[in-house]
Amino acid sequence: YWVSSKGGSLSKDEMMLLQGIDPSMFPESLRHRLGVSDCAFGGMLGNCMSVNVLCNLLPRVFLASGWATKAEALQLQHNSGW
């Protein structure tokens, strides 16, 4: 993620925030302990689906598949906070 107004790339924490992920869930110390390099972690963040997109998509998938009623799907979407 290159930000022209910043004149550089986003930090990993900024990338996580952009995707809707709480950075405290994946601190740098944990990533290094698991053997995930900064480059690989940045690639994972670049390839992930935004949380807000999933919060809107999944209730519709559940409804279309018959795994949830219309009321349940609406409740899921309402509870997502997005």
C-alpha atoms as a PDB file:
ATOM      1  CA  TYR A   1       0.000   0.000   0.000  1.00  0.00           C
ATOM      2  CA  TRP A   2       1.682   3.161  -1.242  1.00  0.00           C
ATOM      3  CA  VAL A   3       0.295   6.468   0.025  1.00  0.00           C
ATOM      4  CA  SER A   4       1.331   9.373  -2.171  1.00  0.00           C
ATOM      5  CA  SER A   5       0.424  12.009   0.431  1.00  0.00           C
ATOM      6  CA  LYS A   6       2.602  10.179   2.962  1.00  0.00           C
ATOM      7  CA  GLY A   7       5.398   9.639   0.449  1.00  0.00           C
ATOM      8  CA  GLY A   8       5.781   6.009   1.409  1.00  0.00           C
ATOM      9  CA  SER A   9       4.160   2.744   2.323  1.00  0.00           C
ATOM     10  CA  LEU A  10       1.724   2.104   5.138  1.00  0.00           C
ATOM     11  CA  SER A  11       3.009   0.399   8.259  1.00  0.00           C
ATOM     12  CA  LYS A  12       1.718  -3.094   9.049  1.00  0.00           C
ATOM     13  CA  ASP A  13      -0.492  -1.633  11.801  1.00  0.00           C
ATOM     14  CA  GLU A  14      -1.953   0.876   9.329  1.00  0.00           C
ATOM     15  CA  MET A  15      -2.579  -1.941   6.836  1.00  0.00           C
ATOM     16  CA  MET A  16      -4.405  -3.942   9.509  1.00  0.00           C
ATOM     17  CA  LEU A  17      -6.552  -0.956  10.445  1.00  0.00           C
ATOM     18  CA  LEU A  18      -7.403  -0.409   6.791  1.00  0.00           C
ATOM     19  CA  GLN A  19      -8.619  -4.022   6.568  1.00  0.00           C
ATOM     20  CA  GLY A  20     -10.646  -3.675   9.783  1.00  0.00           C
ATOM     21  CA  ILE A  21      -8.291  -5.828  11.873  1.00  0.00           C
ATOM     22  CA  ASP A  22      -7.305  -4.840  15.412  1.00  0.00           C
ATOM     23  CA  PRO A  23      -3.471  -4.560  15.341  1.00  0.00           C
ATOM     24  CA  SER A  24      -3.241  -5.779  18.942  1.00  0.00           C
ATOM     25  CA  MET A  25      -4.416  -9.210  17.731  1.00  0.00           C
ATOM     26  CA  PHE A  26      -1.192  -9.713  15.752  1.00  0.00           C
ATOM     27  CA  PRO A  27       1.679  -7.913  17.504  1.00  0.00           C
ATOM     28  CA  GLU A  28       5.082  -7.946  15.828  1.00  0.00           C
ATOM     29  CA  SER A  29       6.502 -10.158  18.599  1.00  0.00           C
ATOM     30  CA  LEU A  30       3.897 -12.853  17.879  1.00  0.00           C
ATOM     31  CA  ARG A  31       4.475 -12.687  14.130  1.00  0.00           C
ATOM     32  CA  HIS A  32       8.236 -13.137  14.561  1.00  0.00           C
ATOM     33  CA  ARG A  33       7.758 -15.953  17.090  1.00  0.00           C
ATOM     34  CA  LEU A  34       5.598 -17.761  14.506  1.00  0.00           C
ATOM     35  CA  GLY A  35       8.257 -17.240  11.842  1.00  0.00           C
ATOM     36  CA  VAL A  36       6.264 -14.830   9.652  1.00  0.00           C
ATOM     37  CA  SER A  37       8.482 -12.188   8.077  1.00  0.00           C
ATOM     38  CA  ASP A  38       7.340  -8.575   7.732  1.00  0.00           C
ATOM     39  CA  CYS A  39       7.288  -8.985   3.959  1.00  0.00           C
ATOM     40  CA  ALA A  40       5.160 -12.151   4.126  1.00  0.00           C
ATOM     41  CA  PHE A  41       2.784 -10.548   6.649  1.00  0.00           C
ATOM     42  CA  GLY A  42       2.371  -7.496   4.406  1.00  0.00           C
ATOM     43  CA  GLY A  43       1.573  -9.841   1.520  1.00  0.00           C
ATOM     44  CA  MET A  44      -1.042 -11.613   3.630  1.00  0.00           C
ATOM     45  CA  LEU A  45      -2.640  -8.291   4.528  1.00  0.00           C
ATOM     46  CA  GLY A  46      -2.686  -7.278   0.884  1.00  0.00           C
ATOM     47  CA  ASN A  47      -4.475 -10.487  -0.046  1.00  0.00           C
ATOM     48  CA  CYS A  48      -7.039 -10.551   2.759  1.00  0.00           C
ATOM     49  CA  MET A  49     -10.704  -9.618   2.527  1.00  0.00           C
ATOM     50  CA  SER A  50     -11.802  -6.535   4.461  1.00  0.00           C
ATOM     51  CA  VAL A  51     -13.822  -7.269   7.588  1.00  0.00           C
ATOM     52  CA  ASN A  52     -16.536  -4.803   6.597  1.00  0.00           C
ATOM     53  CA  VAL A  53     -17.013  -6.584   3.263  1.00  0.00           C
ATOM     54  CA  LEU A  54     -17.333  -9.955   5.001  1.00  0.00           C
ATOM     55  CA  CYS A  55     -19.814  -8.543   7.519  1.00  0.00           C
ATOM     56  CA  ASN A  56     -22.072  -7.509   4.643  1.00  0.00           C
ATOM     57  CA  LEU A  57     -21.445 -10.534   2.443  1.00  0.00           C
ATOM     58  CA  LEU A  58     -21.781 -13.452   4.874  1.00  0.00           C
ATOM     59  CA  PRO A  59     -25.369 -12.785   6.029  1.00  0.00           C
ATOM     60  CA  ARG A  60     -26.445 -12.764   2.374  1.00  0.00           C
ATOM     61  CA  VAL A  61     -24.551 -16.003   1.715  1.00  0.00           C
ATOM     62  CA  PHE A  62     -26.220 -17.624   4.736  1.00  0.00           C
ATOM     63  CA  LEU A  63     -29.630 -16.433   3.549  1.00  0.00           C
ATOM     64  CA  ALA A  64     -29.089 -17.632  -0.030  1.00  0.00           C
ATOM     65  CA  SER A  65     -27.835 -21.038   1.148  1.00  0.00           C
ATOM     66  CA  GLY A  66     -30.779 -21.514   3.507  1.00  0.00           C
ATOM     67  CA  TRP A  67     -28.551 -21.542   6.594  1.00  0.00           C
ATOM     68  CA  ALA A  68     -30.350 -18.491   7.995  1.00  0.00           C
ATOM     69  CA  THR A  69     -33.817 -16.984   7.769  1.00  0.00           C
ATOM     70  CA  LYS A  70     -34.280 -13.440   6.496  1.00  0.00           C
ATOM     71  CA  ALA A  71     -34.709 -12.208  10.089  1.00  0.00           C
ATOM     72  CA  GLU A  72     -31.512 -13.997  11.184  1.00  0.00           C
ATOM     73  CA  ALA A  73     -29.542 -12.582   8.232  1.00  0.00           C
ATOM     74  CA  LEU A  74     -30.737  -9.071   9.018  1.00  0.00           C
ATOM     75  CA  GLN A  75     -29.819  -9.555  12.668  1.00  0.00           C
ATOM     76  CA  LEU A  76     -26.320 -10.743  11.696  1.00  0.00           C
ATOM     77  CA  GLN A  77     -25.836  -7.710   9.474  1.00  0.00           C
ATOM     78  CA  HIS A  78     -27.169  -5.363  12.165  1.00  0.00           C
ATOM     79  CA  ASN A  79     -24.909  -6.861  14.857  1.00  0.00           C
ATOM     80  CA  SER A  80     -21.787  -6.547  12.689  1.00  0.00           C
ATOM     81  CA  GLY A  81     -21.531  -2.844  13.405  1.00  0.00           C
ATOM     82  CA  TRP A  82     -20.858  -1.983   9.777  1.00  0.00           C
END
